[in-house]
Amino acid sequence: MNKLSLDTRTKILQAFAYLGFIYTLFFQFDISWLIPSLVFSWLIFLLGASLGLHKYSSHRSFEPKNKFYKIIMLFSSTILCLGSNLSWASTHRKHHQFSDQPNDPHSSNNTPSFWRSIKLWFYYFPTYHINPSIVKDLTVDPIHKFFHRNYFKINIGYLLVLGVIDIKLACYFYFVPVIYTFTAISYITVLAHNPWLSKFGYKNVDSRDLSFNSRVASIFVPGDGNHNNHHGRPGMASNKIADRDWDFGFWLVKLIGRLPKKKIEH
């Protein structure tokens, strides 16, 4: 019997996170746990998704100040259940190469259908179809390779440790942050490229695609609400261009990272 593909195993893990979130709402709901959980979700999205997967692994817009910060970022990015750092960066770089064009793995605009939008919202697209040439700068890094190779072990191990200590820890510090992150990433990949919703946002640059900025999204999706700015200048660590822009994530870049002297555009 053939082993399940890495992509299928990722989808199973993500489906389990949704089931765990439903279980949390119906059987473990506790407002005293929910509030700190949402604060943690906001912070770990910023650290793991916005910085770890996006600004660092995908765009190399900054470098961590030391190995400790690098490991913390990549660990945080791993337990958000989005697929490994190498696979996510590979897919995201392809998204920028073909943004809102037929080869864009994220877009529903080039093949418009309600069902495709639903699948993208639930992050149902290949997350482990890696083109090594796209992420060759990451594949030579032993720390990136470690987190890629041990992606499932780290997720399952982290979840089991939390669950053994207290089931509410697993519910509120794994399932809730994962679904918070899924929702934030789904906004970025689906709604932040929606031409009808763009009337509620604004653009600062001609990014040659449908991306737009949203100040409201910048609050809940820290570091990535200025989506038009990012697509216009993908290599920048700060997504703030104009005075009206908010980038609530750049403070963390300055705290744990250093900006490269020479820009690497991805």
Protein backbone atom coordinates (compact mmCIF):
# COMPACT_ATOMS: atom_id res chain seq x y z
CA MET A 1 0.00 0.00 0.00
CA ASN A 2 1.44 3.34 -1.07
CA LYS A 3 2.19 5.89 1.60
CA LEU A 4 0.04 9.01 1.64
CA SER A 5 1.62 11.91 -0.20
CA LEU A 6 3.02 14.79 1.80
CA ASP A 7 0.30 17.02 0.40
CA THR A 8 -2.45 14.61 1.50
CA ARG A 9 -0.94 14.31 4.97
CA THR A 10 -0.86 18.11 5.22
CA LYS A 11 -4.55 18.28 4.27
CA ILE A 12 -5.39 15.65 6.90
CA LEU A 13 -3.54 17.65 9.55
CA GLN A 14 -5.36 20.82 8.52
CA ALA A 15 -8.75 19.04 8.57
CA PHE A 16 -7.94 17.74 12.06
CA ALA A 17 -7.25 21.33 13.16
CA TYR A 18 -10.71 22.38 11.94
CA LEU A 19 -12.30 19.47 13.82
CA GLY A 20 -10.35 20.42 16.93
CA PHE A 21 -11.56 24.00 16.62
CA ILE A 22 -15.19 22.82 16.38
CA TYR A 23 -14.62 20.60 19.41
CA THR A 24 -13.24 23.61 21.28
CA LEU A 25 -16.29 25.76 20.52
CA PHE A 26 -18.85 23.14 21.51
CA PHE A 27 -17.19 21.20 24.32
CA GLN A 28 -14.35 23.31 25.75
CA PHE A 29 -15.59 26.87 25.32
CA ASP A 30 -14.26 29.14 28.04
CA ILE A 31 -14.08 32.91 27.66
CA SER A 32 -11.29 33.13 30.23
CA TRP A 33 -9.16 30.97 27.90
CA LEU A 34 -10.38 32.55 24.65
CA ILE A 35 -9.11 36.07 25.29
CA PRO A 36 -5.45 35.13 25.97
CA SER A 37 -5.72 32.62 23.14
CA LEU A 38 -6.67 35.37 20.66
CA VAL A 39 -3.78 37.53 21.86
CA PHE A 40 -1.44 34.55 21.40
CA SER A 41 -2.98 33.88 17.96
CA TRP A 42 -2.31 37.46 16.85
CA LEU A 43 1.28 37.30 18.06
CA ILE A 44 2.12 33.88 16.64
CA PHE A 45 0.55 34.78 13.30
CA LEU A 46 2.83 37.82 13.25
CA LEU A 47 5.92 35.83 14.29
CA GLY A 48 5.32 32.58 12.41
CA ALA A 49 3.29 33.50 9.32
CA SER A 50 3.96 37.16 8.57
CA LEU A 51 7.64 37.13 9.54
CA GLY A 52 8.71 33.46 9.48
CA LEU A 53 6.99 32.19 6.34
CA HIS A 54 6.34 35.41 4.48
CA LYS A 55 8.88 38.18 5.00
CA TYR A 56 11.79 35.90 5.90
CA SER A 57 11.50 32.53 4.14
CA SER A 58 9.60 33.69 1.04
CA HIS A 59 11.02 37.16 0.43
CA ARG A 60 14.23 37.28 2.47
CA SER A 61 13.38 40.90 3.28
CA PHE A 62 15.27 40.63 6.57
CA GLU A 63 17.58 38.23 8.39
CA PRO A 64 17.18 37.15 12.03
CA LYS A 65 19.79 38.62 14.35
CA ASN A 66 20.87 35.21 15.60
CA LYS A 67 20.15 31.48 15.34
CA PHE A 68 17.82 31.54 18.37
CA TYR A 69 15.43 34.01 16.73
CA LYS A 70 15.59 32.02 13.50
CA ILE A 71 14.64 28.76 15.22
CA ILE A 72 11.81 30.44 17.14
CA MET A 73 10.41 31.91 13.91
CA LEU A 74 10.60 28.66 11.99
CA PHE A 75 9.15 26.67 14.89
CA SER A 76 6.26 29.16 15.11
CA SER A 77 5.70 28.94 11.36
CA THR A 78 5.64 25.14 11.55
CA ILE A 79 2.97 24.81 14.26
CA LEU A 80 0.60 27.05 12.28
CA CYS A 81 -0.18 24.05 10.06
CA LEU A 82 0.24 25.86 6.73
CA GLY A 83 2.68 23.37 5.27
CA SER A 84 6.44 23.38 5.70
CA ASN A 85 8.52 26.53 5.32
CA LEU A 86 10.06 25.27 2.04
CA SER A 87 6.74 24.31 0.49
CA TRP A 88 5.01 27.52 1.56
CA ALA A 89 7.83 29.71 0.27
CA SER A 90 7.88 27.83 -3.04
CA THR A 91 4.13 28.30 -3.53
CA HIS A 92 4.23 31.93 -2.44
CA ARG A 93 7.07 32.87 -4.75
CA LYS A 94 5.13 31.33 -7.63
CA HIS A 95 2.11 33.39 -6.55
CA HIS A 96 4.14 36.59 -6.92
CA GLN A 97 5.54 35.48 -10.25
CA PHE A 98 2.04 34.92 -11.69
CA SER A 99 -0.19 37.03 -9.45
CA ASP A 100 -3.82 36.86 -10.69
CA GLN A 101 -2.66 35.12 -13.86
CA PRO A 102 -3.46 31.55 -14.99
CA ASN A 103 -0.47 29.98 -13.20
CA ASP A 104 -1.16 31.67 -9.87
CA PRO A 105 -1.70 28.86 -7.31
CA HIS A 106 -3.66 31.19 -5.00
CA SER A 107 -5.99 33.05 -7.33
CA SER A 108 -9.64 32.34 -8.08
CA ASN A 109 -9.83 35.33 -10.43
CA ASN A 110 -8.20 33.65 -13.44
CA THR A 111 -10.48 30.60 -13.12
CA PRO A 112 -13.51 32.19 -11.47
CA SER A 113 -15.84 29.83 -9.72
CA PHE A 114 -17.54 29.84 -6.34
CA TRP A 115 -16.24 26.35 -5.59
CA ARG A 116 -12.60 27.30 -6.27
CA SER A 117 -12.97 30.33 -3.98
CA ILE A 118 -14.34 28.07 -1.23
CA LYS A 119 -11.45 25.62 -1.66
CA LEU A 120 -8.91 28.44 -1.54
CA TRP A 121 -10.59 29.88 1.55
CA PHE A 122 -10.14 26.56 3.32
CA TYR A 123 -6.56 26.46 2.06
CA TYR A 124 -7.29 23.51 -0.22
CA PHE A 125 -4.56 23.73 -2.83
CA PRO A 126 -1.26 21.88 -3.17
CA THR A 127 1.08 22.88 -0.35
CA TYR A 128 3.83 20.35 -0.92
CA HIS A 129 4.43 20.65 -4.66
CA ILE A 130 7.93 22.10 -4.35
CA ASN A 131 10.06 23.32 -7.22
CA PRO A 132 13.56 23.14 -5.69
CA SER A 133 14.91 25.75 -8.08
CA ILE A 134 12.51 28.36 -6.68
CA VAL A 135 13.75 27.89 -3.11
CA LYS A 136 17.36 26.86 -3.74
CA ASP A 137 18.53 29.56 -1.31
CA LEU A 138 16.53 27.79 1.43
CA THR A 139 17.30 24.17 0.54
CA VAL A 140 20.99 24.68 1.34
CA ASP A 141 20.14 25.93 4.83
CA PRO A 142 20.27 23.05 7.39
CA ILE A 143 17.79 24.75 9.75
CA HIS A 144 15.20 25.25 7.01
CA LYS A 145 15.73 21.64 5.91
CA PHE A 146 15.30 20.38 9.49
CA PHE A 147 11.91 22.05 9.92
CA HIS A 148 10.81 20.89 6.47
CA ARG A 149 11.76 17.25 7.10
CA ASN A 150 10.26 17.19 10.60
CA TYR A 151 7.14 19.21 9.87
CA PHE A 152 4.63 16.50 10.93
CA LYS A 153 6.65 15.31 13.92
CA ILE A 154 6.87 18.85 15.29
CA ASN A 155 3.14 19.50 14.85
CA ILE A 156 2.06 16.20 16.39
CA GLY A 157 4.62 16.43 19.18
CA TYR A 158 3.62 19.99 20.10
CA LEU A 159 -0.07 19.06 20.10
CA LEU A 160 0.50 15.96 22.24
CA VAL A 161 2.57 17.86 24.81
CA LEU A 162 -0.15 20.49 25.18
CA GLY A 163 -2.89 17.86 25.36
CA VAL A 164 -1.11 15.81 28.01
CA ILE A 165 -0.62 18.87 30.21
CA ASP A 166 -4.21 20.11 29.77
CA ILE A 167 -6.71 19.55 26.95
CA LYS A 168 -7.59 23.25 27.06
CA LEU A 169 -4.00 24.09 26.21
CA ALA A 170 -4.31 22.05 23.03
CA CYS A 171 -7.64 23.68 22.24
CA TYR A 172 -6.67 27.29 22.86
CA PHE A 173 -2.98 27.29 22.01
CA TYR A 174 -3.03 25.03 18.97
CA PHE A 175 -6.47 24.76 17.38
CA VAL A 176 -7.54 28.39 17.88
CA PRO A 177 -4.24 29.93 16.65
CA VAL A 178 -4.20 27.59 13.65
CA ILE A 179 -7.73 28.58 12.59
CA TYR A 180 -6.97 32.26 13.25
CA THR A 181 -3.99 31.88 10.92
CA PHE A 182 -6.00 30.00 8.29
CA THR A 183 -8.58 32.80 8.30
CA ALA A 184 -5.92 35.51 8.03
CA ILE A 185 -4.10 33.74 5.19
CA SER A 186 -7.42 33.05 3.44
CA TYR A 187 -8.23 36.76 3.59
CA ILE A 188 -4.88 37.55 1.99
CA THR A 189 -5.13 34.91 -0.75
CA VAL A 190 -8.83 35.28 -1.60
CA LEU A 191 -10.46 38.49 -0.36
CA ALA A 192 -7.44 40.82 -0.72
CA HIS A 193 -7.50 40.06 -4.46
CA ASN A 194 -11.27 40.32 -4.89
CA PRO A 195 -12.15 43.07 -7.41
CA TRP A 196 -15.55 43.75 -5.81
CA LEU A 197 -14.12 44.16 -2.31
CA SER A 198 -11.32 46.40 -3.56
CA LYS A 199 -13.76 49.33 -3.49
CA PHE A 200 -13.53 49.18 0.31
CA GLY A 201 -9.74 49.39 0.19
CA TYR A 202 -7.17 51.49 -1.61
CA LYS A 203 -4.01 51.25 -3.71
CA ASN A 204 -0.74 53.13 -3.45
CA VAL A 205 1.17 51.46 -6.28
CA ASP A 206 0.50 49.84 -9.64
CA SER A 207 1.15 46.21 -8.69
CA ARG A 208 -0.25 44.91 -12.01
CA ASP A 209 -2.71 42.66 -10.21
CA LEU A 210 -5.92 42.96 -8.16
CA SER A 211 -4.35 43.34 -4.69
CA PHE A 212 -5.44 46.23 -2.47
CA ASN A 213 -4.72 47.65 0.98
CA SER A 214 -7.06 47.58 3.97
CA ARG A 215 -6.48 49.41 7.24
CA VAL A 216 -9.03 47.18 9.00
CA ALA A 217 -7.22 44.06 7.80
CA SER A 218 -3.93 45.56 8.98
CA ILE A 219 -5.22 45.33 12.56
CA PHE A 220 -6.16 41.64 12.47
CA VAL A 221 -3.58 40.50 9.93
CA PRO A 222 -0.53 42.29 11.35
CA GLY A 223 2.17 43.01 8.84
CA ASP A 224 0.14 41.95 5.81
CA GLY A 225 -2.94 44.17 5.54
CA ASN A 226 -1.19 46.46 3.04
CA HIS A 227 -1.39 43.85 0.31
CA ASN A 228 -1.12 46.23 -2.63
CA ASN A 229 1.99 47.81 -1.13
CA HIS A 230 3.48 44.35 -0.70
CA HIS A 231 2.78 43.26 -4.27
CA GLY A 232 4.21 46.50 -5.56
CA ARG A 233 7.36 46.17 -3.43
CA PRO A 234 7.57 42.51 -2.34
CA GLY A 235 11.14 42.70 -1.06
CA MET A 236 10.46 45.39 1.55
CA ALA A 237 10.37 44.38 5.22
CA SER A 238 7.91 47.18 6.01
CA ASN A 239 4.61 47.31 4.12
CA LYS A 240 4.08 50.95 5.02
CA ILE A 241 4.52 53.34 2.09
CA ALA A 242 2.13 56.24 2.76
CA ASP A 243 1.23 57.99 6.01
CA ARG A 244 -2.22 56.40 5.99
CA ASP A 245 -0.76 52.86 5.96
CA TRP A 246 -0.50 50.71 9.09
CA ASP A 247 2.09 47.97 9.48
CA PHE A 248 1.77 46.59 13.00
CA GLY A 249 4.39 43.95 12.33
CA PHE A 250 7.46 45.96 11.46
CA TRP A 251 8.32 46.56 15.13
CA LEU A 252 8.97 42.83 15.49
CA VAL A 253 11.19 42.80 12.39
CA LYS A 254 13.28 45.57 13.97
CA LEU A 255 13.35 43.73 17.31
CA ILE A 256 14.57 40.32 16.13
CA GLY A 257 15.96 40.99 12.66
CA ARG A 258 18.31 43.09 10.61
CA LEU A 259 17.65 44.50 7.17
CA PRO A 260 19.95 43.29 4.37
CA LYS A 261 22.32 45.80 2.84
CA LYS A 262 21.58 44.38 -0.61
CA LYS A 263 18.00 43.52 -1.47
CA ILE A 264 17.09 40.04 -2.71
CA GLU A 265 13.81 40.22 -4.62
CA HIS A 266 11.50 37.18 -4.60
